[in-house]
Amino acid sequence: MTPREVFQKLSDGIGSGEWSSLHLLYAEDADVEIPFAPARLQGREEVRQHFAQHAGTVALEPRDLRVYVTDDPEVVVAEWKYAVGGRLLSNIQVLRVRDGLIVATRDYHDHRQLAEILRG
C-alpha cells in the first residue's frame, strides 16, 4: 500500500471503530510521537495497547480529509477533523510508511479538548 492508502485505512478503521486491528498497520518497531499529549509509543505492541484503551470509549467520525504527498515518497501529511460530541476537532498527522507499514508518525491532536468532550 502507498502511504496515502495506509493513512486512509487507518482513518477508516478509526471512523468505523475497528480499533482491535489498527496496530497491524504499524511496523514492529514503529515510533509514534504525540507532542500535544505529550506521549511517545515505541513499537507495535505499545500502539496496540494505546488503541485498546480507546476501543468503545468514543465515536470519532473523520471529516474534511486531505492527504498531501511530499517530496519524500515515504511521507504524507494528513489534515482532517473528527466529529465528536457535536464538535469538530482539528488534526494533523505526519506519517512515514515503508513497505506498506507505518514506521513513524507525529500526531497533532487536541487531546485536551477531546478529554473535555469525554468528561461531558
PDB file of N, CA and C in Angstrom:
ATOM      1  N   MET A   1       0.833  -1.187   0.000  1.00  0.00           N
ATOM      2  CA  MET A   1       0.000   0.000   0.000  1.00  0.00           C
ATOM      3  C   MET A   1       0.874   1.244   0.000  1.00  0.00           C
ATOM      4  N   THR A   2       0.388   2.271  -0.641  1.00  0.00           N
ATOM      5  CA  THR A   2       1.084   3.555  -0.630  1.00  0.00           C
ATOM      6  C   THR A   2       0.860   4.234   0.726  1.00  0.00           C
ATOM      7  N   PRO A   3       1.678   5.233   1.054  1.00  0.00           N
ATOM      8  CA  PRO A   3       1.445   5.968   2.299  1.00  0.00           C
ATOM      9  C   PRO A   3       0.027   6.561   2.366  1.00  0.00           C
ATOM     10  N   ARG A   4      -0.472   7.075   1.276  1.00  0.00           N
ATOM     11  CA  ARG A   4      -1.832   7.626   1.246  1.00  0.00           C
ATOM     12  C   ARG A   4      -2.862   6.535   1.555  1.00  0.00           C
ATOM     13  N   GLU A   5      -2.689   5.367   0.963  1.00  0.00           N
ATOM     14  CA  GLU A   5      -3.616   4.250   1.199  1.00  0.00           C
ATOM     15  C   GLU A   5      -3.555   3.755   2.643  1.00  0.00           C
ATOM     16  N   VAL A   6      -2.353   3.734   3.209  1.00  0.00           N
ATOM     17  CA  VAL A   6      -2.207   3.308   4.600  1.00  0.00           C
ATOM     18  C   VAL A   6      -2.927   4.295   5.512  1.00  0.00           C
ATOM     19  N   PHE A   7      -2.734   5.589   5.281  1.00  0.00           N
ATOM     20  CA  PHE A   7      -3.433   6.561   6.112  1.00  0.00           C
ATOM     21  C   PHE A   7      -4.945   6.415   5.960  1.00  0.00           C
ATOM     22  N   GLN A   8      -5.419   6.222   4.744  1.00  0.00           N
ATOM     23  CA  GLN A   8      -6.863   6.074   4.523  1.00  0.00           C
ATOM     24  C   GLN A   8      -7.406   4.868   5.281  1.00  0.00           C
ATOM     25  N   LYS A   9      -6.656   3.780   5.280  1.00  0.00           N
ATOM     26  CA  LYS A   9      -7.081   2.571   6.005  1.00  0.00           C
ATOM     27  C   LYS A   9      -7.115   2.842   7.508  1.00  0.00           C
ATOM     28  N   LEU A  10      -6.129   3.568   8.020  1.00  0.00           N
ATOM     29  CA  LEU A  10      -6.098   3.944   9.429  1.00  0.00           C
ATOM     30  C   LEU A  10      -7.303   4.815   9.771  1.00  0.00           C
ATOM     31  N   SER A  11      -7.552   5.819   8.965  1.00  0.00           N
ATOM     32  CA  SER A  11      -8.678   6.723   9.182  1.00  0.00           C
ATOM     33  C   SER A  11     -10.014   5.981   9.125  1.00  0.00           C
ATOM     34  N   ASP A  12     -10.163   5.121   8.141  1.00  0.00           N
ATOM     35  CA  ASP A  12     -11.400   4.334   8.011  1.00  0.00           C
ATOM     36  C   ASP A  12     -11.606   3.440   9.231  1.00  0.00           C
ATOM     37  N   GLY A  13     -10.538   2.824   9.709  1.00  0.00           N
ATOM     38  CA  GLY A  13     -10.635   1.940  10.867  1.00  0.00           C
ATOM     39  C   GLY A  13     -11.035   2.688  12.128  1.00  0.00           C
ATOM     40  N   ILE A  14     -10.465   3.871  12.326  1.00  0.00           N
ATOM     41  CA  ILE A  14     -10.843   4.684  13.482  1.00  0.00           C
ATOM     42  C   ILE A  14     -12.299   5.119  13.346  1.00  0.00           C
ATOM     43  N   GLY A  15     -12.674   5.575  12.161  1.00  0.00           N
ATOM     44  CA  GLY A  15     -14.041   6.034  11.942  1.00  0.00           C
ATOM     45  C   GLY A  15     -15.086   4.951  12.125  1.00  0.00           C
ATOM     46  N   SER A  16     -14.730   3.713  11.822  1.00  0.00           N
ATOM     47  CA  SER A  16     -15.683   2.606  11.962  1.00  0.00           C
ATOM     48  C   SER A  16     -15.565   1.901  13.313  1.00  0.00           C
ATOM     49  N   GLY A  17     -14.623   2.355  14.151  1.00  0.00           N
ATOM     50  CA  GLY A  17     -14.464   1.771  15.483  1.00  0.00           C
ATOM     51  C   GLY A  17     -13.777   0.424  15.496  1.00  0.00           C
ATOM     52  N   GLU A  18     -13.010   0.107  14.465  1.00  0.00           N
ATOM     53  CA  GLU A  18     -12.296  -1.175  14.383  1.00  0.00           C
ATOM     54  C   GLU A  18     -10.914  -1.064  15.021  1.00  0.00           C
ATOM     55  N   TRP A  19     -10.882  -0.696  16.284  1.00  0.00           N
ATOM     56  CA  TRP A  19      -9.639  -0.434  16.998  1.00  0.00           C
ATOM     57  C   TRP A  19      -8.740  -1.653  17.135  1.00  0.00           C
ATOM     58  N   SER A  20      -9.308  -2.842  17.189  1.00  0.00           N
ATOM     59  CA  SER A  20      -8.533  -4.036  17.529  1.00  0.00           C
ATOM     60  C   SER A  20      -7.510  -4.452  16.479  1.00  0.00           C
ATOM     61  N   SER A  21      -7.653  -4.001  15.244  1.00  0.00           N
ATOM     62  CA  SER A  21      -6.695  -4.413  14.211  1.00  0.00           C
ATOM     63  C   SER A  21      -5.833  -3.267  13.694  1.00  0.00           C
ATOM     64  N   LEU A  22      -6.038  -2.064  14.194  1.00  0.00           N
ATOM     65  CA  LEU A  22      -5.299  -0.909  13.673  1.00  0.00           C
ATOM     66  C   LEU A  22      -3.797  -1.012  13.880  1.00  0.00           C
ATOM     67  N   HIS A  23      -3.382  -1.650  14.976  1.00  0.00           N
ATOM     68  CA  HIS A  23      -1.942  -1.766  15.252  1.00  0.00           C
ATOM     69  C   HIS A  23      -1.215  -2.537  14.154  1.00  0.00           C
ATOM     70  N   LEU A  24      -1.939  -3.348  13.398  1.00  0.00           N
ATOM     71  CA  LEU A  24      -1.314  -4.137  12.328  1.00  0.00           C
ATOM     72  C   LEU A  24      -0.883  -3.270  11.150  1.00  0.00           C
ATOM     73  N   LEU A  25      -1.301  -2.010  11.133  1.00  0.00           N
ATOM     74  CA  LEU A  25      -0.839  -1.075  10.103  1.00  0.00           C
ATOM     75  C   LEU A  25       0.544  -0.521  10.429  1.00  0.00           C
ATOM     76  N   TYR A  26       1.045  -0.822  11.622  1.00  0.00           N
ATOM     77  CA  TYR A  26       2.309  -0.271  12.108  1.00  0.00           C
ATOM     78  C   TYR A  26       3.412  -1.332  12.060  1.00  0.00           C
ATOM     79  N   ALA A  27       4.623  -0.894  11.788  1.00  0.00           N
ATOM     80  CA  ALA A  27       5.787  -1.781  11.815  1.00  0.00           C
ATOM     81  C   ALA A  27       6.065  -2.208  13.252  1.00  0.00           C
ATOM     82  N   GLU A  28       6.741  -3.330  13.418  1.00  0.00           N
ATOM     83  CA  GLU A  28       7.088  -3.830  14.756  1.00  0.00           C
ATOM     84  C   GLU A  28       7.830  -2.790  15.583  1.00  0.00           C
ATOM     85  N   ASP A  29       8.680  -1.986  14.934  1.00  0.00           N
ATOM     86  CA  ASP A  29       9.486  -1.001  15.646  1.00  0.00           C
ATOM     87  C   ASP A  29       9.012   0.434  15.401  1.00  0.00           C
ATOM     88  N   ALA A  30       7.734   0.605  15.125  1.00  0.00           N
ATOM     89  CA  ALA A  30       7.178   1.930  14.832  1.00  0.00           C
ATOM     90  C   ALA A  30       7.429   2.903  15.985  1.00  0.00           C
ATOM     91  N   ASP A  31       7.577   4.170  15.612  1.00  0.00           N
ATOM     92  CA  ASP A  31       7.789   5.247  16.577  1.00  0.00           C
ATOM     93  C   ASP A  31       6.651   6.254  16.386  1.00  0.00           C
ATOM     94  N   VAL A  32       5.802   6.389  17.405  1.00  0.00           N
ATOM     95  CA  VAL A  32       4.647   7.290  17.334  1.00  0.00           C
ATOM     96  C   VAL A  32       4.849   8.395  18.359  1.00  0.00           C
ATOM     97  N   GLU A  33       4.982   9.606  17.863  1.00  0.00           N
ATOM     98  CA  GLU A  33       5.165  10.763  18.726  1.00  0.00           C
ATOM     99  C   GLU A  33       3.855  11.558  18.743  1.00  0.00           C
ATOM    100  N   ILE A  34       3.382  11.881  19.956  1.00  0.00           N
ATOM    101  CA  ILE A  34       2.152  12.660  20.115  1.00  0.00           C
ATOM    102  C   ILE A  34       2.523  13.889  20.944  1.00  0.00           C
ATOM    103  N   PRO A  35       3.039  14.932  20.287  1.00  0.00           N
ATOM    104  CA  PRO A  35       3.599  16.078  21.006  1.00  0.00           C
ATOM    105  C   PRO A  35       2.632  16.803  21.937  1.00  0.00           C
ATOM    106  N   PHE A  36       1.354  16.898  21.597  1.00  0.00           N
ATOM    107  CA  PHE A  36       0.428  17.650  22.433  1.00  0.00           C
ATOM    108  C   PHE A  36      -0.054  16.855  23.635  1.00  0.00           C
ATOM    109  N   ALA A  37       0.199  15.545  23.707  1.00  0.00           N
ATOM    110  CA  ALA A  37      -0.282  14.740  24.827  1.00  0.00           C
ATOM    111  C   ALA A  37       0.513  14.985  26.114  1.00  0.00           C
ATOM    112  N   PRO A  38       1.784  15.134  26.194  1.00  0.00           N
ATOM    113  CA  PRO A  38       2.789  14.557  25.301  1.00  0.00           C
ATOM    114  C   PRO A  38       2.949  13.066  25.579  1.00  0.00           C
ATOM    115  N   ALA A  39       3.227  12.348  24.536  1.00  0.00           N
ATOM    116  CA  ALA A  39       3.400  10.902  24.672  1.00  0.00           C
ATOM    117  C   ALA A  39       4.230  10.384  23.512  1.00  0.00           C
ATOM    118  N   ARG A  40       4.800   9.224  23.731  1.00  0.00           N
ATOM    119  CA  ARG A  40       5.545   8.534  22.672  1.00  0.00           C
ATOM    120  C   ARG A  40       5.271   7.048  22.824  1.00  0.00           C
ATOM    121  N   LEU A  41       4.919   6.420  21.713  1.00  0.00           N
ATOM    122  CA  LEU A  41       4.682   4.982  21.688  1.00  0.00           C
ATOM    123  C   LEU A  41       5.811   4.357  20.887  1.00  0.00           C
ATOM    124  N   GLN A  42       6.410   3.324  21.450  1.00  0.00           N
ATOM    125  CA  GLN A  42       7.525   2.652  20.807  1.00  0.00           C
ATOM    126  C   GLN A  42       7.121   1.222  20.475  1.00  0.00           C
ATOM    127  N   GLY A  43       6.955   0.946  19.209  1.00  0.00           N
ATOM    128  CA  GLY A  43       6.672  -0.411  18.770  1.00  0.00           C
ATOM    129  C   GLY A  43       5.190  -0.713  18.621  1.00  0.00           C
ATOM    130  N   ARG A  44       4.922  -1.729  17.833  1.00  0.00           N
ATOM    131  CA  ARG A  44       3.556  -2.146  17.518  1.00  0.00           C
ATOM    132  C   ARG A  44       2.759  -2.517  18.776  1.00  0.00           C
ATOM    133  N   GLU A  45       3.411  -3.159  19.728  1.00  0.00           N
ATOM    134  CA  GLU A  45       2.686  -3.582  20.933  1.00  0.00           C
ATOM    135  C   GLU A  45       2.175  -2.385  21.729  1.00  0.00           C
ATOM    136  N   GLU A  46       2.990  -1.346  21.870  1.00  0.00           N
ATOM    137  CA  GLU A  46       2.519  -0.148  22.574  1.00  0.00           C
ATOM    138  C   GLU A  46       1.396   0.534  21.793  1.00  0.00           C
ATOM    139  N   VAL A  47       1.484   0.517  20.477  1.00  0.00           N
ATOM    140  CA  VAL A  47       0.404   1.068  19.647  1.00  0.00           C
ATOM    141  C   VAL A  47      -0.875   0.257  19.877  1.00  0.00           C
ATOM    142  N   ARG A  48      -0.753  -1.068  19.924  1.00  0.00           N
ATOM    143  CA  ARG A  48      -1.926  -1.917  20.157  1.00  0.00           C
ATOM    144  C   ARG A  48      -2.570  -1.582  21.504  1.00  0.00           C
ATOM    145  N   GLN A  49      -1.753  -1.436  22.531  1.00  0.00           N
ATOM    146  CA  GLN A  49      -2.269  -1.105  23.860  1.00  0.00           C
ATOM    147  C   GLN A  49      -2.956   0.260  23.862  1.00  0.00           C
ATOM    148  N   HIS A  50      -2.371   1.211  23.172  1.00  0.00           N
ATOM    149  CA  HIS A  50      -2.950   2.559  23.075  1.00  0.00           C
ATOM    150  C   HIS A  50      -4.332   2.498  22.426  1.00  0.00           C
ATOM    151  N   PHE A  51      -4.433   1.798  21.302  1.00  0.00           N
ATOM    152  CA  PHE A  51      -5.728   1.691  20.632  1.00  0.00           C
ATOM    153  C   PHE A  51      -6.723   0.910  21.491  1.00  0.00           C
ATOM    154  N   ALA A  52      -6.264  -0.103  22.196  1.00  0.00           N
ATOM    155  CA  ALA A  52      -7.155  -0.901  23.046  1.00  0.00           C
ATOM    156  C   ALA A  52      -7.773  -0.044  24.152  1.00  0.00           C
ATOM    157  N   GLN A  53      -7.024   0.935  24.657  1.00  0.00           N
ATOM    158  CA  GLN A  53      -7.550   1.845  25.682  1.00  0.00           C
ATOM    159  C   GLN A  53      -8.744   2.636  25.174  1.00  0.00           C
ATOM    160  N   HIS A  54      -8.757   2.931  23.895  1.00  0.00           N
ATOM    161  CA  HIS A  54      -9.783   3.806  23.326  1.00  0.00           C
ATOM    162  C   HIS A  54     -10.946   3.050  22.701  1.00  0.00           C
ATOM    163  N   ALA A  55     -10.810   1.759  22.566  1.00  0.00           N
ATOM    164  CA  ALA A  55     -11.858   0.955  21.934  1.00  0.00           C
ATOM    165  C   ALA A  55     -13.175   1.125  22.691  1.00  0.00           C
ATOM    166  N   GLY A  56     -14.200   1.550  21.978  1.00  0.00           N
ATOM    167  CA  GLY A  56     -15.527   1.683  22.541  1.00  0.00           C
ATOM    168  C   GLY A  56     -15.752   2.897  23.429  1.00  0.00           C
ATOM    169  N   THR A  57     -14.730   3.748  23.607  1.00  0.00           N
ATOM    170  CA  THR A  57     -14.890   4.900  24.502  1.00  0.00           C
ATOM    171  C   THR A  57     -15.495   6.110  23.813  1.00  0.00           C
ATOM    172  N   VAL A  58     -15.233   6.263  22.526  1.00  0.00           N
ATOM    173  CA  VAL A  58     -15.711   7.444  21.825  1.00  0.00           C
ATOM    174  C   VAL A  58     -15.836   7.125  20.333  1.00  0.00           C
ATOM    175  N   ALA A  59     -16.846   7.712  19.713  1.00  0.00           N
ATOM    176  CA  ALA A  59     -17.012   7.561  18.261  1.00  0.00           C
ATOM    177  C   ALA A  59     -16.375   8.775  17.591  1.00  0.00           C
ATOM    178  N   LEU A  60     -15.403   8.523  16.757  1.00  0.00           N
ATOM    179  CA  LEU A  60     -14.708   9.583  16.031  1.00  0.00           C
ATOM    180  C   LEU A  60     -15.047   9.452  14.554  1.00  0.00           C
ATOM    181  N   GLU A  61     -15.645  10.476  13.998  1.00  0.00           N
ATOM    182  CA  GLU A  61     -16.011  10.446  12.582  1.00  0.00           C
ATOM    183  C   GLU A  61     -15.095  11.389  11.804  1.00  0.00           C
ATOM    184  N   PRO A  62     -14.176  10.842  11.005  1.00  0.00           N
ATOM    185  CA  PRO A  62     -13.284  11.701  10.218  1.00  0.00           C
ATOM    186  C   PRO A  62     -14.065  12.501   9.164  1.00  0.00           C
ATOM    187  N   ARG A  63     -13.705  13.770   9.046  1.00  0.00           N
ATOM    188  CA  ARG A  63     -14.329  14.652   8.045  1.00  0.00           C
ATOM    189  C   ARG A  63     -13.275  15.540   7.407  1.00  0.00           C
ATOM    190  N   ASP A  64     -13.607  16.035   6.221  1.00  0.00           N
ATOM    191  CA  ASP A  64     -12.752  17.006   5.521  1.00  0.00           C
ATOM    192  C   ASP A  64     -11.309  16.519   5.403  1.00  0.00           C
ATOM    193  N   LEU A  65     -11.141  15.266   5.067  1.00  0.00           N
ATOM    194  CA  LEU A  65      -9.824  14.640   4.982  1.00  0.00           C
ATOM    195  C   LEU A  65      -9.050  15.149   3.770  1.00  0.00           C
ATOM    196  N   ARG A  66      -7.807  15.561   4.027  1.00  0.00           N
ATOM    197  CA  ARG A  66      -6.878  15.940   2.963  1.00  0.00           C
ATOM    198  C   ARG A  66      -5.552  15.258   3.241  1.00  0.00           C
ATOM    199  N   VAL A  67      -4.989  14.641   2.212  1.00  0.00           N
ATOM    200  CA  VAL A  67      -3.688  13.985   2.346  1.00  0.00           C
ATOM    201  C   VAL A  67      -2.756  14.619   1.323  1.00  0.00           C
ATOM    202  N   TYR A  68      -1.629  15.117   1.812  1.00  0.00           N
ATOM    203  CA  TYR A  68      -0.655  15.803   0.970  1.00  0.00           C
ATOM    204  C   TYR A  68       0.562  14.912   0.754  1.00  0.00           C
ATOM    205  N   VAL A  69       0.916  14.714  -0.478  1.00  0.00           N
ATOM    206  CA  VAL A  69       2.113  13.955  -0.840  1.00  0.00           C
ATOM    207  C   VAL A  69       3.302  14.895  -0.727  1.00  0.00           C
ATOM    208  N   THR A  70       4.435  14.385  -0.251  1.00  0.00           N
ATOM    209  CA  THR A  70       5.637  15.206  -0.106  1.00  0.00           C
ATOM    210  C   THR A  70       6.697  14.775  -1.115  1.00  0.00           C
ATOM    211  N   ASP A  71       7.813  15.453  -1.099  1.00  0.00           N
ATOM    212  CA  ASP A  71       8.932  15.076  -1.970  1.00  0.00           C
ATOM    213  C   ASP A  71       9.534  13.735  -1.578  1.00  0.00           C
ATOM    214  N   ASP A  72       9.337  13.338  -0.328  1.00  0.00           N
ATOM    215  CA  ASP A  72       9.819  12.051   0.159  1.00  0.00           C
ATOM    216  C   ASP A  72       8.724  11.024  -0.117  1.00  0.00           C
ATOM    217  N   PRO A  73       8.977  10.006  -0.930  1.00  0.00           N
ATOM    218  CA  PRO A  73       7.925   9.046  -1.297  1.00  0.00           C
ATOM    219  C   PRO A  73       7.377   8.233  -0.128  1.00  0.00           C
ATOM    220  N   GLU A  74       8.065   8.245   1.017  1.00  0.00           N
ATOM    221  CA  GLU A  74       7.576   7.514   2.189  1.00  0.00           C
ATOM    222  C   GLU A  74       6.680   8.363   3.090  1.00  0.00           C
ATOM    223  N   VAL A  75       6.622   9.676   2.848  1.00  0.00           N
ATOM    224  CA  VAL A  75       5.975  10.589   3.796  1.00  0.00           C
ATOM    225  C   VAL A  75       4.747  11.263   3.186  1.00  0.00           C
ATOM    226  N   VAL A  76       3.653  11.255   3.971  1.00  0.00           N
ATOM    227  CA  VAL A  76       2.466  12.050   3.651  1.00  0.00           C
ATOM    228  C   VAL A  76       2.095  12.856   4.891  1.00  0.00           C
ATOM    229  N   VAL A  77       1.398  13.956   4.644  1.00  0.00           N
ATOM    230  CA  VAL A  77       0.852  14.780   5.718  1.00  0.00           C
ATOM    231  C   VAL A  77      -0.657  14.763   5.552  1.00  0.00           C
ATOM    232  N   ALA A  78      -1.350  14.400   6.622  1.00  0.00           N
ATOM    233  CA  ALA A  78      -2.815  14.327   6.579  1.00  0.00           C
ATOM    234  C   ALA A  78      -3.388  15.407   7.487  1.00  0.00           C
ATOM    235  N   GLU A  79      -4.474  15.994   7.008  1.00  0.00           N
ATOM    236  CA  GLU A  79      -5.168  17.036   7.758  1.00  0.00           C
ATOM    237  C   GLU A  79      -6.654  16.702   7.711  1.00  0.00           C
ATOM    238  N   TRP A  80      -7.320  16.713   8.860  1.00  0.00           N
ATOM    239  CA  TRP A  80      -8.740  16.372   8.903  1.00  0.00           C
ATOM    240  C   TRP A  80      -9.347  16.851  10.207  1.00  0.00           C
ATOM    241  N   LYS A  81     -10.646  16.657  10.315  1.00  0.00           N
ATOM    242  CA  LYS A  81     -11.369  16.941  11.545  1.00  0.00           C
ATOM    243  C   LYS A  81     -12.074  15.672  11.992  1.00  0.00           C
ATOM    244  N   TYR A  82     -12.220  15.512  13.310  1.00  0.00           N
ATOM    245  CA  TYR A  82     -13.060  14.461  13.863  1.00  0.00           C
ATOM    246  C   TYR A  82     -14.340  15.113  14.351  1.00  0.00           C
ATOM    247  N   ALA A  83     -15.471  14.577  13.939  1.00  0.00           N
ATOM    248  CA  ALA A  83     -16.740  14.970  14.525  1.00  0.00           C
ATOM    249  C   ALA A  83     -16.934  14.097  15.751  1.00  0.00           C
ATOM    250  N   VAL A  84     -17.062  14.739  16.915  1.00  0.00           N
ATOM    251  CA  VAL A  84     -17.225  14.009  18.168  1.00  0.00           C
ATOM    252  C   VAL A  84     -17.989  14.895  19.150  1.00  0.00           C
ATOM    253  N   GLY A  85     -19.005  14.332  19.755  1.00  0.00           N
ATOM    254  CA  GLY A  85     -19.764  15.070  20.758  1.00  0.00           C
ATOM    255  C   GLY A  85     -20.350  16.373  20.249  1.00  0.00           C
ATOM    256  N   GLY A  86     -20.726  16.414  18.983  1.00  0.00           N
ATOM    257  CA  GLY A  86     -21.291  17.625  18.414  1.00  0.00           C
ATOM    258  C   GLY A  86     -20.276  18.712  18.107  1.00  0.00           C
ATOM    259  N   ARG A  87     -19.004  18.392  18.226  1.00  0.00           N
ATOM    260  CA  ARG A  87     -17.938  19.364  17.949  1.00  0.00           C
ATOM    261  C   ARG A  87     -16.989  18.804  16.906  1.00  0.00           C
ATOM    262  N   LEU A  88     -16.177  19.682  16.351  1.00  0.00           N
ATOM    263  CA  LEU A  88     -15.158  19.269  15.391  1.00  0.00           C
ATOM    264  C   LEU A  88     -13.779  19.515  15.989  1.00  0.00           C
ATOM    265  N   LEU A  89     -12.949  18.472  15.974  1.00  0.00           N
ATOM    266  CA  LEU A  89     -11.579  18.559  16.466  1.00  0.00           C
ATOM    267  C   LEU A  89     -10.614  18.509  15.288  1.00  0.00           C
ATOM    268  N   SER A  90      -9.711  19.474  15.215  1.00  0.00           N
ATOM    269  CA  SER A  90      -8.738  19.510  14.128  1.00  0.00           C
ATOM    270  C   SER A  90      -7.558  18.606  14.428  1.00  0.00           C
ATOM    271  N   ASN A  91      -7.016  17.983  13.372  1.00  0.00           N
ATOM    272  CA  ASN A  91      -5.904  17.043  13.498  1.00  0.00           C
ATOM    273  C   ASN A  91      -4.947  17.193  12.323  1.00  0.00           C
ATOM    274  N   ILE A  92      -3.694  16.950  12.610  1.00  0.00           N
ATOM    275  CA  ILE A  92      -2.672  16.835  11.571  1.00  0.00           C
ATOM    276  C   ILE A  92      -1.791  15.656  11.952  1.00  0.00           C
ATOM    277  N   GLN A  93      -1.421  14.866  10.965  1.00  0.00           N
ATOM    278  CA  GLN A  93      -0.548  13.718  11.213  1.00  0.00           C
ATOM    279  C   GLN A  93       0.481  13.649  10.084  1.00  0.00           C
ATOM    280  N   VAL A  94       1.723  13.455  10.462  1.00  0.00           N
ATOM    281  CA  VAL A  94       2.814  13.250   9.516  1.00  0.00           C
ATOM    282  C   VAL A  94       3.190  11.785   9.615  1.00  0.00           C
ATOM    283  N   LEU A  95       3.043  11.055   8.515  1.00  0.00           N
ATOM    284  CA  LEU A  95       3.297   9.610   8.515  1.00  0.00           C
ATOM    285  C   LEU A  95       4.462   9.252   7.607  1.00  0.00           C
ATOM    286  N   ARG A  96       5.287   8.348   8.094  1.00  0.00           N
ATOM    287  CA  ARG A  96       6.321   7.727   7.262  1.00  0.00           C
ATOM    288  C   ARG A  96       5.937   6.262   7.129  1.00  0.00           C
ATOM    289  N   VAL A  97       5.746   5.831   5.884  1.00  0.00           N
ATOM    290  CA  VAL A  97       5.313   4.469   5.581  1.00  0.00           C
ATOM    291  C   VAL A  97       6.374   3.797   4.727  1.00  0.00           C
ATOM    292  N   ARG A  98       6.782   2.609   5.163  1.00  0.00           N
ATOM    293  CA  ARG A  98       7.782   1.846   4.422  1.00  0.00           C
ATOM    294  C   ARG A  98       7.262   0.421   4.257  1.00  0.00           C
ATOM    295  N   ASP A  99       7.312  -0.075   3.048  1.00  0.00           N
ATOM    296  CA  ASP A  99       6.843  -1.434   2.755  1.00  0.00           C
ATOM    297  C   ASP A  99       5.414  -1.665   3.240  1.00  0.00           C
ATOM    298  N   GLY A 100       4.577  -0.628   3.110  1.00  0.00           N
ATOM    299  CA  GLY A 100       3.164  -0.751   3.447  1.00  0.00           C
ATOM    300  C   GLY A 100       2.830  -0.664   4.921  1.00  0.00           C
ATOM    301  N   LEU A 101       3.820  -0.352   5.775  1.00  0.00           N
ATOM    302  CA  LEU A 101       3.580  -0.238   7.216  1.00  0.00           C
ATOM    303  C   LEU A 101       4.049   1.115   7.729  1.00  0.00           C
ATOM    304  N   ILE A 102       3.349   1.640   8.721  1.00  0.00           N
ATOM    305  CA  ILE A 102       3.729   2.907   9.338  1.00  0.00           C
ATOM    306  C   ILE A 102       4.965   2.663  10.196  1.00  0.00           C
ATOM    307  N   VAL A 103       6.046   3.379   9.896  1.00  0.00           N
ATOM    308  CA  VAL A 103       7.269   3.239  10.686  1.00  0.00           C
ATOM    309  C   VAL A 103       7.441   4.407  11.653  1.00  0.00           C
ATOM    310  N   ALA A 104       6.822   5.550  11.344  1.00  0.00           N
ATOM    311  CA  ALA A 104       6.923   6.703  12.240  1.00  0.00           C
ATOM    312  C   ALA A 104       5.763   7.658  11.961  1.00  0.00           C
ATOM    313  N   THR A 105       5.266   8.270  13.032  1.00  0.00           N
ATOM    314  CA  THR A 105       4.256   9.321  12.891  1.00  0.00           C
ATOM    315  C   THR A 105       4.494  10.382  13.944  1.00  0.00           C
ATOM    316  N   ARG A 106       4.037  11.571  13.614  1.00  0.00           N
ATOM    317  CA  ARG A 106       3.879  12.654  14.578  1.00  0.00           C
ATOM    318  C   ARG A 106       2.410  13.035  14.477  1.00  0.00           C
ATOM    319  N   ASP A 107       1.695  12.858  15.581  1.00  0.00           N
ATOM    320  CA  ASP A 107       0.244  13.041  15.600  1.00  0.00           C
ATOM    321  C   ASP A 107      -0.100  14.288  16.404  1.00  0.00           C
ATOM    322  N   TYR A 108      -0.694  15.261  15.741  1.00  0.00           N
ATOM    323  CA  TYR A 108      -1.062  16.516  16.392  1.00  0.00           C
ATOM    324  C   TYR A 108      -2.585  16.558  16.536  1.00  0.00           C
ATOM    325  N   HIS A 109      -3.068  16.087  17.698  1.00  0.00           N
ATOM    326  CA  HIS A 109      -4.490  16.078  18.027  1.00  0.00           C
ATOM    327  C   HIS A 109      -4.684  16.944  19.263  1.00  0.00           C
ATOM    328  N   ASP A 110      -5.856  17.536  19.406  1.00  0.00           N
ATOM    329  CA  ASP A 110      -6.153  18.344  20.579  1.00  0.00           C
ATOM    330  C   ASP A 110      -6.703  17.427  21.673  1.00  0.00           C
ATOM    331  N   HIS A 111      -5.808  16.774  22.404  1.00  0.00           N
ATOM    332  CA  HIS A 111      -6.198  15.811  23.426  1.00  0.00           C
ATOM    333  C   HIS A 111      -6.925  16.477  24.595  1.00  0.00           C
ATOM    334  N   ARG A 112      -6.572  17.709  24.902  1.00  0.00           N
ATOM    335  CA  ARG A 112      -7.249  18.412  25.988  1.00  0.00           C
ATOM    336  C   ARG A 112      -8.717  18.633  25.648  1.00  0.00           C
ATOM    337  N   GLN A 113      -8.982  19.067  24.429  1.00  0.00           N
ATOM    338  CA  GLN A 113     -10.371  19.275  24.007  1.00  0.00           C
ATOM    339  C   GLN A 113     -11.137  17.958  23.947  1.00  0.00           C
ATOM    340  N   LEU A 114     -10.491  16.904  23.490  1.00  0.00           N
ATOM    341  CA  LEU A 114     -11.146  15.590  23.461  1.00  0.00           C
ATOM    342  C   LEU A 114     -11.482  15.127  24.869  1.00  0.00           C
ATOM    343  N   ALA A 115     -10.576  15.324  25.812  1.00  0.00           N
ATOM    344  CA  ALA A 115     -10.829  14.949  27.209  1.00  0.00           C
ATOM    345  C   ALA A 115     -12.016  15.734  27.771  1.00  0.00           C
ATOM    346  N   GLU A 116     -12.119  17.011  27.432  1.00  0.00           N
ATOM    347  CA  GLU A 116     -13.261  17.812  27.871  1.00  0.00           C
ATOM    348  C   GLU A 116     -14.565  17.264  27.337  1.00  0.00           C
ATOM    349  N   ILE A 117     -14.579  16.858  26.080  1.00  0.00           N
ATOM    350  CA  ILE A 117     -15.774  16.294  25.466  1.00  0.00           C
ATOM    351  C   ILE A 117     -16.161  14.995  26.164  1.00  0.00           C
ATOM    352  N   LEU A 118     -15.172  14.150  26.436  1.00  0.00           N
ATOM    353  CA  LEU A 118     -15.444  12.868  27.084  1.00  0.00           C
ATOM    354  C   LEU A 118     -15.949  13.030  28.511  1.00  0.00           C
ATOM    355  N   ARG A 119     -15.484  14.077  29.188  1.00  0.00           N
ATOM    356  CA  ARG A 119     -15.956  14.334  30.560  1.00  0.00           C
ATOM    357  C   ARG A 119     -17.386  14.864  30.561  1.00  0.00           C
ATOM    358  N   GLY A 120     -17.832  15.409  29.417  1.00  0.00           N
ATOM    359  CA  GLY A 120     -19.197  15.931  29.311  1.00  0.00           C
ATOM    360  C   GLY A 120     -19.267  17.328  29.773  1.00  0.00           C
TER     361      GLY A 120
END
